[in-house]
Amino acid sequence: MRSRSWLAAAASLGIVVAACSGGGTPSPSASAPASVAPSTAASASAPASVGPSSNLPTSIGAGEGEVDIIVWAGYAEDGSNVKEYDWVNPFIKANPDCGKVNVKPADTSDAMVSLMQGGGGGLYDGVSASGDASNTLINRGDVAEVNVDLISDFKDIAPFLQSPAHNTVNGKHYGLSHGWGGNTLMWRTDKVTPEPTSWDVTFDPAKMEALKGKVTAYGGSIFVADAALYLKAHKPELGITDPYELTQDQFNAAIDLLKAQHPFIGKYWEAYSDEIDNFTSGASLVGTTWPYQTNTLKASGVPVKAIVPSEGMTGWADTWMLASKAKHPNCMYKWMAWMATPHVQAQVAEYFGEAPANPKACAELDKTYGSYGVKDFCTLYSVNDKAFYDSISFWKTPQADCGDSRGQTCVGYDQWVTAFQAVKAGS
């Protein structure tokens, strides 16, 4: 599953920020009326009925004193890494009844899934899960349905992220969308001609031959979906309708395509820094990327360009999710509400290098908030570009249940992991 190890070293083994901490730019309080505490007894499975459950909390109660969260490194900054990027201490100041924020960074989605086993086990109140993990957490009952009406800024979340398939099941919300990005096609403009318009430059042996050993690909098992998306366009006879819902024959075709690609791959990447280094040195000349790498390389003078290919692209979006056995559900609700505010969205997007889920953050982002700011941030990250985000097939956890009339005939994620690891090993 997805790795975001580039900020893990800075995050160390976790941070604990207590109520006595100060600093940071105050933001408006995201607290809701403290009257009725949320119930964690609501089912976290995917019920057959459509629409929110009737036993959801109707307001956020008083905080329980602290919140314990599992995060991608860089999603809960207290100013200790870069002074101006601090949204933890202002959260505590605005919500003194949640006077301590305990943070557990995780490098991969696999680690998050493991830590959330058993609904957080009473150790964790929530997690910032990516789409390749969120459906697993929902199906296992590790996360609870949430009442998004209690989050005042939910209405400002981009419409395509308000009820996406990776966090909303049968009309029930299992979290709040956070940041997102598309997996675009990038190449060195001084080395690759003519300009690519299709993923065929990374999947067609005839197109790859001149670039053998210089093609790169994402190293996570969810990359199988990129192969499936290509096949959806180029082999319609396979009948692929969703790159994450593959029957055995469709899955086998995707794996065969990845096996054919493997001899042309010089390096697979997971950490963003590795891909930046590879494109800077010329070890990689073409392949899938994230907007962060493209913008960083351009800023440093490396001649690269990235596009949405004709077939579309995969992409990722993260979700703040409430553990089904959270000990501090009120504080987790308050944390989710805080993370949806425009000011905090701006800080995280700029620090982390991603598009904010709340486009109202652009008013601040485009002026550049801090030292990691860039001019016209939201244009560079395609925040309000409908054609861009409509072209994304967002990551979601592959399940045996195809989600349609095919029933339990699709290939689950465990098989994706096994097969893709074998591809990378050359077997």
Protein backbone atom coordinates (compact mmCIF):
# COMPACT_ATOMS: atom_id res chain seq x y z
CA MET A 1 0.00 0.00 0.00
CA ARG A 2 0.93 3.63 -0.27
CA SER A 3 4.07 4.85 1.47
CA ARG A 4 4.74 8.43 2.44
CA SER A 5 8.10 8.01 4.09
CA TRP A 6 9.52 11.39 3.06
CA LEU A 7 8.33 13.08 6.25
CA ALA A 8 8.65 10.10 8.56
CA ALA A 9 12.11 10.96 9.80
CA ALA A 10 11.00 14.44 10.79
CA ALA A 11 8.03 13.01 12.65
CA SER A 12 10.19 10.54 14.59
CA LEU A 13 8.21 8.06 16.66
CA GLY A 14 5.39 10.42 17.47
CA ILE A 15 4.69 13.71 19.17
CA VAL A 16 2.69 14.54 22.24
CA VAL A 17 1.50 18.10 22.60
CA ALA A 18 -0.14 19.10 25.86
CA ALA A 19 -2.44 21.98 26.74
CA CYS A 20 0.39 24.09 28.12
CA SER A 21 1.97 24.30 24.66
CA GLY A 22 1.74 27.63 22.94
CA GLY A 23 2.53 29.21 19.59
CA GLY A 24 0.99 28.92 16.19
CA THR A 25 -1.41 31.15 14.34
CA PRO A 26 -4.82 31.09 16.01
CA SER A 27 -7.61 29.80 13.81
CA PRO A 28 -11.35 29.93 14.40
CA SER A 29 -12.56 27.27 16.78
CA ALA A 30 -14.03 24.24 15.07
CA SER A 31 -15.74 23.10 18.23
CA ALA A 32 -19.41 22.19 18.11
CA PRO A 33 -21.92 22.62 20.94
CA ALA A 34 -20.98 20.47 23.90
CA SER A 35 -24.25 18.82 24.73
CA VAL A 36 -24.56 15.18 23.71
CA ALA A 37 -21.52 12.95 23.37
CA PRO A 38 -21.26 10.87 20.21
CA SER A 39 -22.10 7.22 20.53
CA THR A 40 -19.48 4.75 19.31
CA ALA A 41 -21.99 1.93 19.38
CA ALA A 42 -23.18 2.72 15.87
CA SER A 43 -22.42 -0.03 13.42
CA ALA A 44 -19.19 0.45 11.47
CA SER A 45 -20.05 -2.19 8.92
CA ALA A 46 -21.69 -1.46 5.61
CA PRO A 47 -25.41 -1.93 6.30
CA ALA A 48 -27.76 -2.86 3.50
CA SER A 49 -29.99 0.15 4.11
CA VAL A 50 -29.28 3.42 2.35
CA GLY A 51 -28.71 6.69 4.18
CA PRO A 52 -27.23 7.68 7.54
CA SER A 53 -28.05 5.68 10.65
CA SER A 54 -30.65 6.99 13.07
CA ASN A 55 -28.42 6.56 16.12
CA LEU A 56 -25.69 8.97 15.06
CA PRO A 57 -24.80 11.75 17.53
CA THR A 58 -26.71 14.99 17.08
CA SER A 59 -24.02 17.20 18.59
CA ILE A 60 -20.44 17.01 19.80
CA GLY A 61 -20.06 16.68 23.53
CA ALA A 62 -17.36 17.94 25.87
CA GLY A 63 -13.87 16.77 25.04
CA GLU A 64 -12.38 13.86 26.96
CA GLY A 65 -9.05 15.63 27.52
CA GLU A 66 -7.00 14.16 24.67
CA VAL A 67 -7.05 12.54 21.25
CA ASP A 68 -4.91 9.68 19.91
CA ILE A 69 -4.45 9.64 16.14
CA ILE A 70 -2.58 7.58 13.54
CA VAL A 71 -1.32 9.84 10.76
CA TRP A 72 0.76 10.14 7.65
CA ALA A 73 3.87 11.96 8.80
CA GLY A 74 3.23 15.65 8.22
CA TYR A 75 -0.50 15.55 8.97
CA ALA A 76 -0.24 16.70 12.59
CA GLU A 77 2.47 19.34 12.86
CA ASP A 78 3.16 21.30 16.05
CA GLY A 79 5.78 23.72 14.72
CA SER A 80 8.73 21.68 15.95
CA ASN A 81 9.83 20.77 12.42
CA VAL A 82 9.04 24.05 10.66
CA LYS A 83 7.93 26.85 12.97
CA GLU A 84 5.15 28.38 10.90
CA TYR A 85 3.48 25.04 10.21
CA ASP A 86 1.63 24.38 13.43
CA TRP A 87 -2.02 23.42 13.62
CA VAL A 88 -1.78 21.19 16.71
CA ASN A 89 -1.15 23.91 19.29
CA PRO A 90 -3.89 26.20 17.89
CA PHE A 91 -6.27 23.21 18.01
CA ILE A 92 -5.53 22.79 21.71
CA LYS A 93 -5.94 26.51 22.33
CA ALA A 94 -9.33 26.49 20.59
CA ASN A 95 -10.37 23.23 22.27
CA PRO A 96 -8.90 23.22 25.80
CA ASP A 97 -11.07 20.24 26.71
CA CYS A 98 -8.87 18.27 24.27
CA GLY A 99 -5.63 19.36 25.87
CA LYS A 100 -3.32 16.70 24.49
CA VAL A 101 -2.76 15.45 20.95
CA ASN A 102 -0.99 12.09 20.82
CA VAL A 103 0.35 11.29 17.36
CA LYS A 104 1.43 7.94 15.95
CA PRO A 105 2.98 8.32 12.48
CA ALA A 106 2.68 5.39 10.06
CA ASP A 107 4.80 4.96 6.93
CA THR A 108 2.37 2.81 4.97
CA SER A 109 -1.32 2.04 4.63
CA ASP A 110 -0.52 -1.52 5.71
CA ALA A 111 0.80 -0.16 9.01
CA MET A 112 -2.36 1.90 9.50
CA VAL A 113 -4.59 -1.10 8.85
CA SER A 114 -2.59 -3.12 11.37
CA LEU A 115 -2.70 -0.41 14.05
CA MET A 116 -6.45 0.05 13.62
CA GLN A 117 -7.15 -3.68 14.08
CA GLY A 118 -10.12 -4.16 16.38
CA GLY A 119 -11.45 -0.63 16.00
CA GLY A 120 -8.26 0.96 17.23
CA GLY A 121 -8.15 -1.44 20.16
CA GLY A 122 -9.00 1.40 22.50
CA LEU A 123 -5.54 2.84 21.81
CA TYR A 124 -6.41 5.09 18.88
CA ASP A 125 -9.31 7.43 18.22
CA GLY A 126 -8.81 7.91 14.52
CA VAL A 127 -6.63 7.64 11.45
CA SER A 128 -5.82 9.55 8.25
CA ALA A 129 -6.38 6.62 5.91
CA SER A 130 -5.81 6.57 2.16
CA GLY A 131 -8.28 5.01 -0.23
CA ASP A 132 -6.26 1.81 -0.51
CA ALA A 133 -6.96 1.17 3.19
CA SER A 134 -10.23 2.92 4.04
CA ASN A 135 -12.59 0.31 2.61
CA THR A 136 -10.78 -2.43 4.51
CA LEU A 137 -11.24 -0.47 7.74
CA ILE A 138 -14.93 0.03 6.96
CA ASN A 139 -15.55 -3.61 6.09
CA ARG A 140 -13.74 -4.88 9.18
CA GLY A 141 -15.71 -2.57 11.45
CA ASP A 142 -12.57 -0.74 12.60
CA VAL A 143 -14.10 2.68 11.91
CA ALA A 144 -17.46 4.14 12.82
CA GLU A 145 -20.02 5.97 10.75
CA VAL A 146 -19.81 9.71 11.38
CA ASN A 147 -22.34 12.52 11.28
CA VAL A 148 -20.83 14.97 8.82
CA ASP A 149 -23.54 17.50 9.71
CA LEU A 150 -21.58 18.12 12.92
CA ILE A 151 -18.61 19.37 10.89
CA SER A 152 -19.50 22.91 9.86
CA ASP A 153 -16.96 23.11 7.04
CA PHE A 154 -18.11 19.85 5.45
CA LYS A 155 -20.38 21.83 3.14
CA ASP A 156 -17.28 23.50 1.67
CA ILE A 157 -15.46 20.25 0.91
CA ALA A 158 -15.20 19.80 -2.86
CA PRO A 159 -18.37 17.98 -4.02
CA PHE A 160 -16.43 15.10 -5.57
CA LEU A 161 -14.90 14.40 -2.14
CA GLN A 162 -18.06 14.66 -0.04
CA SER A 163 -19.29 11.11 -0.71
CA PRO A 164 -16.54 9.20 -2.55
CA ALA A 165 -16.64 5.41 -2.76
CA HIS A 166 -13.56 5.05 -0.61
CA ASN A 167 -15.23 6.52 2.49
CA THR A 168 -18.98 6.49 1.87
CA VAL A 169 -20.93 3.22 1.66
CA ASN A 170 -24.68 2.99 1.05
CA GLY A 171 -25.05 6.67 1.85
CA LYS A 172 -23.20 6.30 5.16
CA HIS A 173 -20.14 8.48 5.78
CA TYR A 174 -17.19 6.80 7.44
CA GLY A 175 -15.01 9.84 7.60
CA LEU A 176 -14.09 13.26 6.30
CA SER A 177 -12.05 13.77 3.14
CA HIS A 178 -8.75 15.57 3.62
CA GLY A 179 -6.05 16.02 0.91
CA TRP A 180 -5.79 14.48 -2.55
CA GLY A 181 -3.74 14.22 -5.72
CA GLY A 182 -3.60 12.61 -9.15
CA ASN A 183 -1.01 10.15 -10.43
CA THR A 184 0.06 11.96 -13.58
CA LEU A 185 2.52 11.03 -16.35
CA MET A 186 5.83 12.92 -16.11
CA TRP A 187 8.84 12.96 -18.40
CA ARG A 188 12.12 14.78 -18.97
CA THR A 189 11.39 17.17 -21.82
CA ASP A 190 15.06 17.30 -22.87
CA LYS A 191 15.29 13.52 -23.22
CA VAL A 192 11.87 12.25 -24.31
CA THR A 193 10.45 13.15 -27.72
CA PRO A 194 7.87 13.41 -29.07
CA GLU A 195 5.77 14.51 -26.12
CA PRO A 196 3.72 11.59 -24.76
CA THR A 197 -0.05 11.81 -24.76
CA SER A 198 -0.79 8.28 -23.53
CA TRP A 199 0.35 5.81 -20.90
CA ASP A 200 1.56 3.70 -23.83
CA VAL A 201 5.01 5.24 -23.31
CA THR A 202 5.14 3.23 -20.06
CA PHE A 203 3.22 0.10 -21.10
CA ASP A 204 3.78 -0.54 -24.82
CA PRO A 205 7.09 -2.40 -25.38
CA ALA A 206 7.54 -0.73 -28.77
CA LYS A 207 7.21 2.71 -27.17
CA MET A 208 9.41 1.79 -24.20
CA GLU A 209 12.29 0.26 -26.15
CA ALA A 210 14.15 3.54 -26.66
CA LEU A 211 13.73 4.31 -22.94
CA LYS A 212 14.61 0.87 -21.58
CA GLY A 213 15.91 1.13 -18.03
CA LYS A 214 14.70 4.73 -17.76
CA VAL A 215 11.01 4.02 -17.22
CA THR A 216 9.78 4.32 -13.63
CA ALA A 217 6.61 3.14 -11.89
CA TYR A 218 5.04 3.46 -8.46
CA GLY A 219 6.16 0.60 -6.23
CA GLY A 220 2.95 0.02 -4.28
CA SER A 221 0.66 -2.90 -5.07
CA ILE A 222 -2.20 -0.53 -5.85
CA PHE A 223 -0.26 0.20 -9.07
CA VAL A 224 -2.03 -2.84 -10.53
CA ALA A 225 -4.96 -0.44 -11.02
CA ASP A 226 -2.84 1.71 -13.35
CA ALA A 227 -2.31 -1.31 -15.59
CA ALA A 228 -6.04 -2.10 -15.43
CA LEU A 229 -6.92 1.49 -16.35
CA TYR A 230 -4.66 1.24 -19.41
CA LEU A 231 -6.26 -2.05 -20.42
CA LYS A 232 -9.73 -0.59 -19.96
CA ALA A 233 -8.93 1.82 -22.79
CA HIS A 234 -6.80 -0.39 -25.01
CA LYS A 235 -8.45 -3.79 -24.60
CA PRO A 236 -12.17 -3.09 -24.24
CA GLU A 237 -12.91 -6.76 -24.89
CA LEU A 238 -11.77 -7.44 -21.31
CA GLY A 239 -14.84 -5.56 -20.07
CA ILE A 240 -13.04 -3.63 -17.33
CA THR A 241 -15.42 -1.05 -15.87
CA ASP A 242 -13.55 -0.19 -12.67
CA PRO A 243 -9.75 -0.63 -12.28
CA TYR A 244 -10.24 -1.68 -8.64
CA GLU A 245 -12.96 -4.25 -9.33
CA LEU A 246 -11.26 -6.91 -11.42
CA THR A 247 -12.40 -10.45 -12.09
CA GLN A 248 -9.70 -13.08 -12.17
CA ASP A 249 -9.30 -12.86 -15.96
CA GLN A 250 -9.11 -9.07 -15.87
CA PHE A 251 -6.65 -9.19 -12.99
CA ASN A 252 -4.48 -11.74 -14.79
CA ALA A 253 -4.38 -9.47 -17.84
CA ALA A 254 -3.23 -6.56 -15.68
CA ILE A 255 -0.50 -8.66 -14.07
CA ASP A 256 0.64 -9.90 -17.48
CA LEU A 257 0.92 -6.29 -18.63
CA LEU A 258 3.01 -5.42 -15.57
CA LYS A 259 5.26 -8.44 -16.21
CA ALA A 260 5.80 -7.23 -19.77
CA GLN A 261 6.61 -3.76 -18.43
CA HIS A 262 9.09 -4.98 -15.82
CA PRO A 263 12.17 -5.42 -18.09
CA PHE A 264 11.91 -1.75 -19.09
CA ILE A 265 11.67 -0.44 -15.52
CA GLY A 266 14.88 1.02 -14.15
CA LYS A 267 13.54 1.86 -10.72
CA TYR A 268 10.25 1.55 -8.87
CA TRP A 269 9.63 4.38 -6.41
CA GLU A 270 7.60 4.86 -3.25
CA ALA A 271 9.25 7.78 -1.45
CA TYR A 272 8.81 11.06 -3.34
CA SER A 273 12.44 11.98 -2.68
CA ASP A 274 13.66 8.92 -4.58
CA GLU A 275 11.77 9.92 -7.70
CA ILE A 276 13.00 13.50 -7.49
CA ASP A 277 16.59 12.24 -7.24
CA ASN A 278 16.09 9.83 -10.14
CA PHE A 279 14.63 12.44 -12.48
CA THR A 280 17.30 14.94 -11.46
CA SER A 281 20.12 12.52 -12.24
CA GLY A 282 18.49 11.14 -15.36
CA ALA A 283 18.18 7.63 -13.94
CA SER A 284 14.45 7.97 -14.68
CA LEU A 285 13.08 9.78 -17.70
CA VAL A 286 9.38 8.90 -17.81
CA GLY A 287 6.74 7.43 -15.52
CA THR A 288 3.95 7.99 -13.04
CA THR A 289 4.30 10.76 -10.47
CA TRP A 290 2.50 13.06 -8.04
CA PRO A 291 2.11 16.85 -8.43
CA TYR A 292 4.59 17.43 -5.60
CA GLN A 293 7.48 15.86 -7.49
CA THR A 294 6.66 17.72 -10.70
CA ASN A 295 6.47 21.11 -9.00
CA THR A 296 9.60 20.48 -6.94
CA LEU A 297 11.61 19.42 -9.99
CA LYS A 298 10.44 22.42 -12.01
CA ALA A 299 11.34 24.76 -9.17
CA SER A 300 14.87 23.34 -9.10
CA GLY A 301 15.33 23.78 -12.84
CA VAL A 302 14.92 20.16 -13.97
CA PRO A 303 13.11 20.16 -17.35
CA VAL A 304 10.02 18.05 -16.71
CA LYS A 305 6.40 18.13 -17.76
CA ALA A 306 3.39 16.22 -16.50
CA ILE A 307 0.00 15.58 -18.09
CA VAL A 308 -3.22 13.66 -17.67
CA PRO A 309 -2.89 10.98 -20.39
CA SER A 310 -5.69 10.13 -22.77
CA GLU A 311 -6.71 7.10 -20.68
CA GLY A 312 -7.13 9.15 -17.50
CA MET A 313 -5.24 8.32 -14.32
CA THR A 314 -5.47 6.86 -10.85
CA GLY A 315 -5.20 9.06 -7.80
CA TRP A 316 -5.38 9.16 -4.04
CA ALA A 317 -7.45 10.93 -1.41
CA ASP A 318 -7.07 10.67 2.35
CA THR A 319 -9.85 10.46 4.92
CA TRP A 320 -9.97 11.25 8.62
CA MET A 321 -11.79 8.28 10.15
CA LEU A 322 -13.17 7.69 13.67
CA ALA A 323 -12.14 4.45 15.35
CA SER A 324 -15.14 2.31 16.25
CA LYS A 325 -13.73 1.82 19.77
CA ALA A 326 -12.46 5.36 20.27
CA LYS A 327 -12.00 6.37 23.89
CA HIS A 328 -12.10 10.05 22.97
CA PRO A 329 -14.74 10.33 20.22
CA ASN A 330 -15.67 13.94 21.01
CA CYS A 331 -12.08 15.09 20.66
CA MET A 332 -11.76 13.11 17.43
CA TYR A 333 -14.85 14.84 16.06
CA LYS A 334 -13.34 18.18 17.06
CA TRP A 335 -10.05 17.23 15.40
CA MET A 336 -11.82 16.30 12.15
CA ALA A 337 -13.74 19.57 12.23
CA TRP A 338 -10.51 21.48 12.83
CA MET A 339 -8.76 19.76 9.93
CA ALA A 340 -11.54 20.84 7.53
CA THR A 341 -11.15 24.57 8.21
CA PRO A 342 -9.64 26.62 5.36
CA HIS A 343 -6.66 27.88 7.38
CA VAL A 344 -5.61 24.42 8.54
CA GLN A 345 -6.26 22.96 5.10
CA ALA A 346 -3.92 25.61 3.69
CA GLN A 347 -1.17 24.79 6.16
CA VAL A 348 -1.33 21.04 5.59
CA ALA A 349 -1.57 21.30 1.81
CA GLU A 350 1.46 23.57 1.63
CA TYR A 351 3.56 21.60 4.10
CA PHE A 352 2.64 18.19 2.70
CA GLY A 353 2.44 19.09 -0.98
CA GLU A 354 -1.12 18.07 -1.90
CA ALA A 355 -4.42 19.55 -3.02
CA PRO A 356 -6.72 20.56 -0.14
CA ALA A 357 -10.16 18.99 0.09
CA ASN A 358 -11.60 22.38 1.01
CA PRO A 359 -11.07 24.77 -1.94
CA LYS A 360 -11.64 27.76 0.35
CA ALA A 361 -8.04 27.19 1.44
CA CYS A 362 -6.96 28.57 -1.93
CA ALA A 363 -7.49 32.16 -0.83
CA GLU A 364 -4.59 31.68 1.57
CA LEU A 365 -2.58 29.14 -0.43
CA ASP A 366 -2.32 31.30 -3.53
CA LYS A 367 -0.75 34.05 -1.42
CA THR A 368 1.70 31.45 -0.01
CA TYR A 369 1.36 30.82 3.68
CA GLY A 370 4.87 29.77 4.70
CA SER A 371 8.31 28.72 3.53
CA TYR A 372 6.97 25.81 1.47
CA GLY A 373 4.55 28.02 -0.39
CA VAL A 374 4.54 28.48 -4.15
CA LYS A 375 2.82 31.10 -6.26
CA ASP A 376 -0.57 30.06 -7.59
CA PHE A 377 -0.53 26.88 -5.52
CA CYS A 378 -4.07 25.85 -6.34
CA THR A 379 -3.47 26.19 -10.07
CA LEU A 380 -0.32 24.07 -9.85
CA TYR A 381 -2.17 21.41 -7.86
CA SER A 382 -5.32 21.58 -10.06
CA VAL A 383 -7.53 22.14 -7.02
CA ASN A 384 -10.41 23.67 -8.96
CA ASP A 385 -9.77 21.97 -12.30
CA LYS A 386 -12.85 19.81 -12.85
CA ALA A 387 -11.40 18.15 -15.94
CA PHE A 388 -8.39 17.12 -13.85
CA TYR A 389 -10.21 15.53 -10.93
CA ASP A 390 -12.93 14.04 -13.12
CA SER A 391 -10.20 12.10 -14.90
CA ILE A 392 -9.08 10.41 -11.67
CA SER A 393 -10.04 6.90 -10.65
CA PHE A 394 -9.40 7.34 -6.95
CA TRP A 395 -7.73 4.56 -5.00
CA LYS A 396 -10.07 2.24 -3.13
CA THR A 397 -9.35 -1.09 -1.55
CA PRO A 398 -9.96 -3.98 -3.97
CA GLN A 399 -12.55 -6.36 -2.53
CA ALA A 400 -13.81 -9.82 -3.47
CA ASP A 401 -17.26 -8.27 -3.79
CA CYS A 402 -17.31 -6.54 -7.17
CA GLY A 403 -19.99 -4.15 -5.97
CA ASP A 404 -22.32 -5.07 -8.81
CA SER A 405 -24.20 -8.04 -10.26
CA ARG A 406 -20.97 -10.06 -10.55
CA GLY A 407 -21.03 -10.60 -6.79
CA GLN A 408 -18.06 -12.22 -5.05
CA THR A 409 -16.03 -12.79 -8.21
CA CYS A 410 -13.43 -10.02 -7.98
CA VAL A 411 -9.86 -10.32 -6.77
CA GLY A 412 -9.17 -9.07 -3.23
CA TYR A 413 -6.21 -6.91 -2.24
CA ASP A 414 -4.18 -9.72 -0.67
CA GLN A 415 -3.80 -11.27 -4.11
CA TRP A 416 -2.85 -7.87 -5.56
CA VAL A 417 -0.01 -7.63 -3.03
CA THR A 418 1.28 -11.14 -3.67
CA ALA A 419 1.15 -10.83 -7.44
CA PHE A 420 2.71 -7.38 -7.63
CA GLN A 421 5.57 -8.29 -5.32
CA ALA A 422 6.30 -11.20 -7.64
CA VAL A 423 6.28 -8.82 -10.62
CA LYS A 424 8.82 -6.53 -8.96
CA ALA A 425 10.99 -9.51 -8.11
CA GLY A 426 10.96 -10.49 -11.77
CA SER A 427 9.19 -13.79 -11.20
